[in-house]
PDB file of N, CA and C in Angstrom:
ATOM      1  N   MET A   1       0.788  -1.226  -0.028  1.00  0.00           N
ATOM      2  CA  MET A   1       0.232  -0.048  -0.200  1.00  0.00           C
ATOM      3  C   MET A   1       0.728   1.136   0.217  1.00  0.00           C
ATOM      4  N   GLY A   2       0.704   2.378  -0.998  1.00  0.00           N
ATOM      5  CA  GLY A   2       1.430   3.369  -0.957  1.00  0.00           C
ATOM      6  C   GLY A   2       0.830   4.582  -0.005  1.00  0.00           C
ATOM      7  N   ARG A   3       1.387   5.632  -0.211  1.00  0.00           N
ATOM      8  CA  ARG A   3       1.294   6.657   0.844  1.00  0.00           C
ATOM      9  C   ARG A   3      -0.455   7.175   0.960  1.00  0.00           C
ATOM     10  N   SER A   4      -0.634   6.994  -0.121  1.00  0.00           N
ATOM     11  CA  SER A   4      -2.190   7.347  -0.280  1.00  0.00           C
ATOM     12  C   SER A   4      -3.115   6.390   0.869  1.00  0.00           C
ATOM     13  N   GLY A   5      -2.540   4.929   0.642  1.00  0.00           N
ATOM     14  CA  GLY A   5      -3.431   3.938   1.622  1.00  0.00           C
ATOM     15  C   GLY A   5      -3.202   4.534   2.995  1.00  0.00           C
ATOM     16  N   GLY A   6      -2.086   5.167   3.617  1.00  0.00           N
ATOM     17  CA  GLY A   6      -1.845   5.423   4.677  1.00  0.00           C
ATOM     18  C   GLY A   6      -2.984   6.762   5.169  1.00  0.00           C
ATOM     19  N   ALA A   7      -2.736   7.553   4.106  1.00  0.00           N
ATOM     20  CA  ALA A   7      -3.502   8.810   4.509  1.00  0.00           C
ATOM     21  C   ALA A   7      -5.323   8.474   4.091  1.00  0.00           C
ATOM     22  N   ASP A   8      -5.588   7.280   3.366  1.00  0.00           N
ATOM     23  CA  ASP A   8      -6.957   6.799   3.891  1.00  0.00           C
ATOM     24  C   ASP A   8      -7.195   6.420   5.063  1.00  0.00           C
ATOM     25  N   GLU A   9      -6.393   5.708   5.319  1.00  0.00           N
ATOM     26  CA  GLU A   9      -6.393   5.061   7.036  1.00  0.00           C
ATOM     27  C   GLU A   9      -6.643   5.964   7.919  1.00  0.00           C
ATOM     28  N   ASN A  10      -5.645   7.243   7.999  1.00  0.00           N
ATOM     29  CA  ASN A  10      -5.776   8.202   8.866  1.00  0.00           C
ATOM     30  C   ASN A  10      -7.053   8.786   8.612  1.00  0.00           C
ATOM     31  N   GLN A  11      -7.612   9.100   7.471  1.00  0.00           N
ATOM     32  CA  GLN A  11      -8.942   9.744   7.304  1.00  0.00           C
ATOM     33  C   GLN A  11     -10.223   8.983   8.105  1.00  0.00           C
ATOM     34  N   VAL A  12     -10.046   7.384   7.921  1.00  0.00           N
ATOM     35  CA  VAL A  12     -11.106   6.482   8.334  1.00  0.00           C
ATOM     36  C   VAL A  12     -11.106   6.899   9.865  1.00  0.00           C
ATOM     37  N   MET A  13      -9.544   6.839  10.361  1.00  0.00           N
ATOM     38  CA  MET A  13      -9.609   6.883  11.831  1.00  0.00           C
ATOM     39  C   MET A  13      -9.687   8.097  12.431  1.00  0.00           C
ATOM     40  N   THR A  14      -9.869   9.023  11.733  1.00  0.00           N
ATOM     41  CA  THR A  14     -10.110  10.471  12.441  1.00  0.00           C
ATOM     42  C   THR A  14     -11.596  10.415  12.284  1.00  0.00           C
ATOM     43  N   GLU A  15     -12.129  10.175  11.173  1.00  0.00           N
ATOM     44  CA  GLU A  15     -13.773   9.983  11.291  1.00  0.00           C
ATOM     45  C   GLU A  15     -14.534   9.051  12.341  1.00  0.00           C
ATOM     46  N   TRP A  16     -13.581   7.992  12.540  1.00  0.00           N
ATOM     47  CA  TRP A  16     -14.285   6.967  14.065  1.00  0.00           C
ATOM     48  C   TRP A  16     -14.006   7.548  14.730  1.00  0.00           C
ATOM     49  N   ARG A  17     -13.161   8.197  15.626  1.00  0.00           N
ATOM     50  CA  ARG A  17     -12.971   8.909  16.591  1.00  0.00           C
ATOM     51  C   ARG A  17     -13.760   9.844  16.854  1.00  0.00           C
ATOM     52  N   CYS A  18     -14.071  10.732  15.595  1.00  0.00           N
ATOM     53  CA  CYS A  18     -15.325  11.664  15.702  1.00  0.00           C
ATOM     54  C   CYS A  18     -16.649  10.937  16.180  1.00  0.00           C
ATOM     55  N   HIS A  19     -17.029   9.874  15.401  1.00  0.00           N
ATOM     56  CA  HIS A  19     -18.202   9.355  15.678  1.00  0.00           C
ATOM     57  C   HIS A  19     -18.439   8.965  16.909  1.00  0.00           C
ATOM     58  N   ILE A  20     -17.206   8.189  17.645  1.00  0.00           N
ATOM     59  CA  ILE A  20     -17.410   7.354  18.859  1.00  0.00           C
ATOM     60  C   ILE A  20     -16.948   8.332  20.215  1.00  0.00           C
ATOM     61  N   ALA A  21     -16.750   9.712  19.955  1.00  0.00           N
ATOM     62  CA  ALA A  21     -16.248  10.545  21.035  1.00  0.00           C
ATOM     63  C   ALA A  21     -17.382  10.962  22.101  1.00  0.00           C
ATOM     64  N   GLY A  22     -18.815  10.942  21.809  1.00  0.00           N
ATOM     65  CA  GLY A  22     -19.730  11.073  22.305  1.00  0.00           C
ATOM     66  C   GLY A  22     -19.802   9.777  23.239  1.00  0.00           C
ATOM     67  N   TRP A  23     -19.738   8.875  22.709  1.00  0.00           N
ATOM     68  CA  TRP A  23     -19.953   7.390  23.476  1.00  0.00           C
ATOM     69  C   TRP A  23     -18.679   7.609  24.841  1.00  0.00           C
ATOM     70  N   GLN A  24     -17.544   8.016  24.021  1.00  0.00           N
ATOM     71  CA  GLN A  24     -16.426   7.645  25.012  1.00  0.00           C
ATOM     72  C   GLN A  24     -16.433   8.858  25.784  1.00  0.00           C
ATOM     73  N   SER A  25     -16.861  10.013  25.771  1.00  0.00           N
ATOM     74  CA  SER A  25     -17.340  10.877  26.895  1.00  0.00           C
ATOM     75  C   SER A  25     -18.480  10.623  27.983  1.00  0.00           C
ATOM     76  N   LEU A  26     -19.285   9.738  27.590  1.00  0.00           N
ATOM     77  CA  LEU A  26     -20.130   9.154  28.603  1.00  0.00           C
ATOM     78  C   LEU A  26     -19.384   8.100  29.167  1.00  0.00           C
ATOM     79  N   GLU A  27     -18.704   7.588  28.522  1.00  0.00           N
ATOM     80  CA  GLU A  27     -18.018   6.414  29.465  1.00  0.00           C
ATOM     81  C   GLU A  27     -16.858   7.041  30.351  1.00  0.00           C
ATOM     82  N   ASP A  28     -16.412   8.184  30.209  1.00  0.00           N
ATOM     83  CA  ASP A  28     -15.823   9.046  30.990  1.00  0.00           C
ATOM     84  C   ASP A  28     -16.614   9.544  32.263  1.00  0.00           C
ATOM     85  N   VAL A  29     -17.885   9.927  31.899  1.00  0.00           N
ATOM     86  CA  VAL A  29     -18.622  10.174  33.088  1.00  0.00           C
ATOM     87  C   VAL A  29     -19.106   9.520  33.901  1.00  0.00           C
ATOM     88  N   GLU A  30     -19.416   8.054  33.407  1.00  0.00           N
ATOM     89  CA  GLU A  30     -19.632   7.040  34.176  1.00  0.00           C
ATOM     90  C   GLU A  30     -18.387   6.444  35.047  1.00  0.00           C
ATOM     91  N   ALA A  31     -16.968   6.350  34.603  1.00  0.00           N
ATOM     92  CA  ALA A  31     -15.788   6.290  35.556  1.00  0.00           C
ATOM     93  C   ALA A  31     -15.547   7.351  36.457  1.00  0.00           C
ATOM     94  N   ALA A  32     -16.227   8.854  36.114  1.00  0.00           N
ATOM     95  CA  ALA A  32     -15.577   9.596  36.975  1.00  0.00           C
ATOM     96  C   ALA A  32     -16.874   9.459  38.449  1.00  0.00           C
ATOM     97  N   ALA A  33     -17.901   9.209  37.768  1.00  0.00           N
ATOM     98  CA  ALA A  33     -18.795   9.028  39.000  1.00  0.00           C
ATOM     99  C   ALA A  33     -19.071   7.651  39.877  1.00  0.00           C
ATOM    100  N   ALA A  34     -18.291   6.833  39.383  1.00  0.00           N
ATOM    101  CA  ALA A  34     -17.888   5.587  39.906  1.00  0.00           C
ATOM    102  C   ALA A  34     -16.647   5.989  40.792  1.00  0.00           C
ATOM    103  N   ARG A  35     -15.659   7.020  40.734  1.00  0.00           N
ATOM    104  CA  ARG A  35     -14.732   6.988  41.555  1.00  0.00           C
ATOM    105  C   ARG A  35     -15.336   8.089  42.581  1.00  0.00           C
ATOM    106  N   GLN A  36     -15.997   8.961  42.217  1.00  0.00           N
ATOM    107  CA  GLN A  36     -16.661  10.194  43.144  1.00  0.00           C
ATOM    108  C   GLN A  36     -17.535   8.907  44.179  1.00  0.00           C
ATOM    109  N   ALA A  37     -18.370   8.178  43.920  1.00  0.00           N
ATOM    110  CA  ALA A  37     -19.042   7.291  44.861  1.00  0.00           C
ATOM    111  C   ALA A  37     -18.229   6.753  45.554  1.00  0.00           C
ATOM    112  N   ALA A  38     -16.873   5.973  44.999  1.00  0.00           N
ATOM    113  CA  ALA A  38     -16.144   5.342  46.010  1.00  0.00           C
ATOM    114  C   ALA A  38     -15.594   6.579  46.906  1.00  0.00           C
ATOM    115  N   ALA A  39     -15.215   7.305  46.610  1.00  0.00           N
ATOM    116  CA  ALA A  39     -14.541   8.160  47.645  1.00  0.00           C
ATOM    117  C   ALA A  39     -15.752   9.126  48.749  1.00  0.00           C
ATOM    118  N   ALA A  40     -16.692   8.963  48.340  1.00  0.00           N
ATOM    119  CA  ALA A  40     -17.745   9.229  49.098  1.00  0.00           C
ATOM    120  C   ALA A  40     -18.186   8.112  50.116  1.00  0.00           C
ATOM    121  N   ARG A  41     -18.009   7.186  49.504  1.00  0.00           N
ATOM    122  CA  ARG A  41     -18.207   5.845  50.835  1.00  0.00           C
ATOM    123  C   ARG A  41     -16.564   6.078  51.636  1.00  0.00           C
ATOM    124  N   ALA A  42     -15.422   5.974  51.048  1.00  0.00           N
ATOM    125  CA  ALA A  42     -14.447   5.871  52.098  1.00  0.00           C
ATOM    126  C   ALA A  42     -14.431   7.321  52.825  1.00  0.00           C
ATOM    127  N   LEU A  43     -14.986   8.166  52.423  1.00  0.00           N
ATOM    128  CA  LEU A  43     -15.000   9.594  53.594  1.00  0.00           C
ATOM    129  C   LEU A  43     -16.195   9.079  54.524  1.00  0.00           C
ATOM    130  N   ASP A  44     -17.018   8.799  54.166  1.00  0.00           N
ATOM    131  CA  ASP A  44     -18.090   8.109  55.174  1.00  0.00           C
ATOM    132  C   ASP A  44     -17.298   7.133  56.438  1.00  0.00           C
ATOM    133  N   GLN A  45     -16.646   6.128  55.457  1.00  0.00           N
ATOM    134  CA  GLN A  45     -15.942   5.380  56.363  1.00  0.00           C
ATOM    135  C   GLN A  45     -14.864   6.012  57.141  1.00  0.00           C
ATOM    136  N   ALA A  46     -14.129   7.022  56.764  1.00  0.00           N
ATOM    137  CA  ALA A  46     -13.067   7.769  57.588  1.00  0.00           C
ATOM    138  C   ALA A  46     -13.578   8.469  58.774  1.00  0.00           C
ATOM    139  N   VAL A  47     -14.662   9.268  58.509  1.00  0.00           N
ATOM    140  CA  VAL A  47     -15.473  10.098  59.618  1.00  0.00           C
ATOM    141  C   VAL A  47     -15.978   8.884  60.541  1.00  0.00           C
ATOM    142  N   GLN A  48     -16.565   7.717  60.338  1.00  0.00           N
ATOM    143  CA  GLN A  48     -17.039   6.720  61.440  1.00  0.00           C
ATOM    144  C   GLN A  48     -15.646   6.274  62.381  1.00  0.00           C
ATOM    145  N   VAL A  49     -14.494   6.110  61.744  1.00  0.00           N
ATOM    146  CA  VAL A  49     -13.224   5.723  62.167  1.00  0.00           C
ATOM    147  C   VAL A  49     -12.857   6.604  63.149  1.00  0.00           C
ATOM    148  N   ALA A  50     -12.776   8.222  62.742  1.00  0.00           N
ATOM    149  CA  ALA A  50     -12.181   9.391  63.329  1.00  0.00           C
ATOM    150  C   ALA A  50     -13.217   9.491  64.610  1.00  0.00           C
ATOM    151  N   LEU A  51     -14.723   9.439  64.344  1.00  0.00           N
ATOM    152  CA  LEU A  51     -15.492   9.148  65.427  1.00  0.00           C
ATOM    153  C   LEU A  51     -15.086   8.386  66.625  1.00  0.00           C
ATOM    154  N   ALA A  52     -15.116   7.537  66.165  1.00  0.00           N
ATOM    155  CA  ALA A  52     -14.836   6.008  67.162  1.00  0.00           C
ATOM    156  C   ALA A  52     -13.523   6.178  67.968  1.00  0.00           C
ATOM    157  N   ALA A  53     -12.300   6.796  67.303  1.00  0.00           N
ATOM    158  CA  ALA A  53     -10.792   7.447  67.812  1.00  0.00           C
ATOM    159  C   ALA A  53     -11.040   8.603  68.655  1.00  0.00           C
ATOM    160  N   GLY A  54     -12.152   9.385  68.729  1.00  0.00           N
ATOM    161  CA  GLY A  54     -12.506  10.216  69.376  1.00  0.00           C
ATOM    162  C   GLY A  54     -12.419  11.633  69.175  1.00  0.00           C
ATOM    163  N   ALA A  55     -12.256  11.563  67.885  1.00  0.00           N
ATOM    164  CA  ALA A  55     -12.306  13.070  66.730  1.00  0.00           C
ATOM    165  C   ALA A  55     -13.721  13.763  67.424  1.00  0.00           C
ATOM    166  N   SER A  56     -13.527  15.042  67.209  1.00  0.00           N
ATOM    167  CA  SER A  56     -14.817  16.132  67.818  1.00  0.00           C
ATOM    168  C   SER A  56     -15.265  16.173  65.975  1.00  0.00           C
ATOM    169  N   TRP A  57     -16.248  16.666  66.185  1.00  0.00           N
ATOM    170  CA  TRP A  57     -17.254  17.203  65.053  1.00  0.00           C
ATOM    171  C   TRP A  57     -16.437  18.397  64.299  1.00  0.00           C
ATOM    172  N   ALA A  58     -15.792  19.281  65.266  1.00  0.00           N
ATOM    173  CA  ALA A  58     -15.282  20.424  64.833  1.00  0.00           C
ATOM    174  C   ALA A  58     -13.815  20.283  64.053  1.00  0.00           C
ATOM    175  N   ASP A  59     -13.176  19.006  64.789  1.00  0.00           N
ATOM    176  CA  ASP A  59     -12.188  18.626  63.786  1.00  0.00           C
ATOM    177  C   ASP A  59     -12.195  17.706  62.342  1.00  0.00           C
ATOM    178  N   ILE A  60     -13.461  17.106  62.305  1.00  0.00           N
ATOM    179  CA  ILE A  60     -13.655  16.417  61.470  1.00  0.00           C
ATOM    180  C   ILE A  60     -14.217  17.289  60.260  1.00  0.00           C
ATOM    181  N   VAL A  61     -15.156  18.470  60.741  1.00  0.00           N
ATOM    182  CA  VAL A  61     -15.579  19.388  59.753  1.00  0.00           C
ATOM    183  C   VAL A  61     -14.005  20.143  58.836  1.00  0.00           C
ATOM    184  N   ARG A  62     -13.363  20.246  59.811  1.00  0.00           N
ATOM    185  CA  ARG A  62     -12.086  20.715  59.421  1.00  0.00           C
ATOM    186  C   ARG A  62     -11.388  19.963  58.307  1.00  0.00           C
ATOM    187  N   ALA A  63     -11.353  18.952  58.736  1.00  0.00           N
ATOM    188  CA  ALA A  63     -10.301  17.803  58.135  1.00  0.00           C
ATOM    189  C   ALA A  63     -11.105  17.568  56.709  1.00  0.00           C
ATOM    190  N   ALA A  64     -12.299  17.655  56.756  1.00  0.00           N
ATOM    191  CA  ALA A  64     -13.240  17.348  55.406  1.00  0.00           C
ATOM    192  C   ALA A  64     -13.285  18.478  54.427  1.00  0.00           C
ATOM    193  N   GLY A  65     -12.878  19.828  55.344  1.00  0.00           N
ATOM    194  CA  GLY A  65     -13.318  20.893  54.563  1.00  0.00           C
ATOM    195  C   GLY A  65     -14.840  21.044  53.997  1.00  0.00           C
ATOM    196  N   MET A  66     -15.448  20.873  55.030  1.00  0.00           N
ATOM    197  CA  MET A  66     -16.872  21.294  54.836  1.00  0.00           C
ATOM    198  C   MET A  66     -17.361  22.184  55.983  1.00  0.00           C
ATOM    199  N   THR A  67     -18.540  22.914  55.895  1.00  0.00           N
ATOM    200  CA  THR A  67     -19.452  23.608  56.826  1.00  0.00           C
ATOM    201  C   THR A  67     -20.027  22.519  58.011  1.00  0.00           C
ATOM    202  N   GLY A  68     -19.908  23.041  58.945  1.00  0.00           N
ATOM    203  CA  GLY A  68     -20.768  22.557  59.759  1.00  0.00           C
ATOM    204  C   GLY A  68     -21.988  21.750  59.342  1.00  0.00           C
ATOM    205  N   ARG A  69     -22.707  22.705  59.078  1.00  0.00           N
ATOM    206  CA  ARG A  69     -24.336  22.548  58.142  1.00  0.00           C
ATOM    207  C   ARG A  69     -24.021  21.377  57.265  1.00  0.00           C
ATOM    208  N   SER A  70     -23.084  21.226  56.525  1.00  0.00           N
ATOM    209  CA  SER A  70     -22.738  20.470  55.372  1.00  0.00           C
ATOM    210  C   SER A  70     -22.531  19.159  55.829  1.00  0.00           C
ATOM    211  N   ALA A  71     -21.789  18.926  57.236  1.00  0.00           N
ATOM    212  CA  ALA A  71     -21.571  17.616  57.927  1.00  0.00           C
ATOM    213  C   ALA A  71     -23.044  17.097  58.350  1.00  0.00           C
ATOM    214  N   THR A  72     -23.336  18.092  59.003  1.00  0.00           N
ATOM    215  CA  THR A  72     -24.440  17.616  59.892  1.00  0.00           C
ATOM    216  C   THR A  72     -25.750  16.909  58.778  1.00  0.00           C
ATOM    217  N   GLU A  73     -25.840  17.461  57.720  1.00  0.00           N
ATOM    218  CA  GLU A  73     -26.640  17.171  56.917  1.00  0.00           C
ATOM    219  C   GLU A  73     -26.315  15.809  56.232  1.00  0.00           C
ATOM    220  N   ARG A  74     -25.176  15.474  56.117  1.00  0.00           N
ATOM    221  CA  ARG A  74     -24.566  14.641  55.754  1.00  0.00           C
ATOM    222  C   ARG A  74     -24.431  13.066  56.394  1.00  0.00           C
ATOM    223  N   TRP A  75     -24.016  13.653  57.845  1.00  0.00           N
ATOM    224  CA  TRP A  75     -23.683  12.653  58.654  1.00  0.00           C
ATOM    225  C   TRP A  75     -24.569  12.184  59.823  1.00  0.00           C
ATOM    226  N   SER A  76     -25.737  13.160  60.291  1.00  0.00           N
ATOM    227  CA  SER A  76     -26.446  13.427  61.282  1.00  0.00           C
ATOM    228  C   SER A  76     -27.300  11.982  61.198  1.00  0.00           C
ATOM    229  N   GLY A  77     -27.057  11.252  62.764  1.00  0.00           N
ATOM    230  CA  GLY A  77     -27.823  10.158  62.887  1.00  0.00           C
ATOM    231  C   GLY A  77     -27.174   8.985  62.567  1.00  0.00           C
ATOM    232  N   ARG A  78     -25.835   9.239  62.069  1.00  0.00           N
ATOM    233  CA  ARG A  78     -24.947   7.937  61.881  1.00  0.00           C
ATOM    234  C   ARG A  78     -23.893   7.872  62.856  1.00  0.00           C
ATOM    235  N   ASP A  79     -23.708   8.965  64.024  1.00  0.00           N
ATOM    236  CA  ASP A  79     -22.488   8.332  65.045  1.00  0.00           C
ATOM    237  C   ASP A  79     -23.366   7.960  66.226  1.00  0.00           C
TER     238      ASP A  79
END
């Protein structure tokens, strides 16, 4: 195959990548959402461990970078 064969292949690949870009973007969204959910579970568990170890809510709020209200809404009734 000469140079034009390579150019044709590059054109086809470029068109294919353009065609599937939307689906790949959705896969990226799904993967990011899964990572976010895993991080939220890890944070919830870390808060429970910190509470069990005697940490105060003020310390947890500061460590989590949240407001007291946000922490209360998220973890009220879990301690």
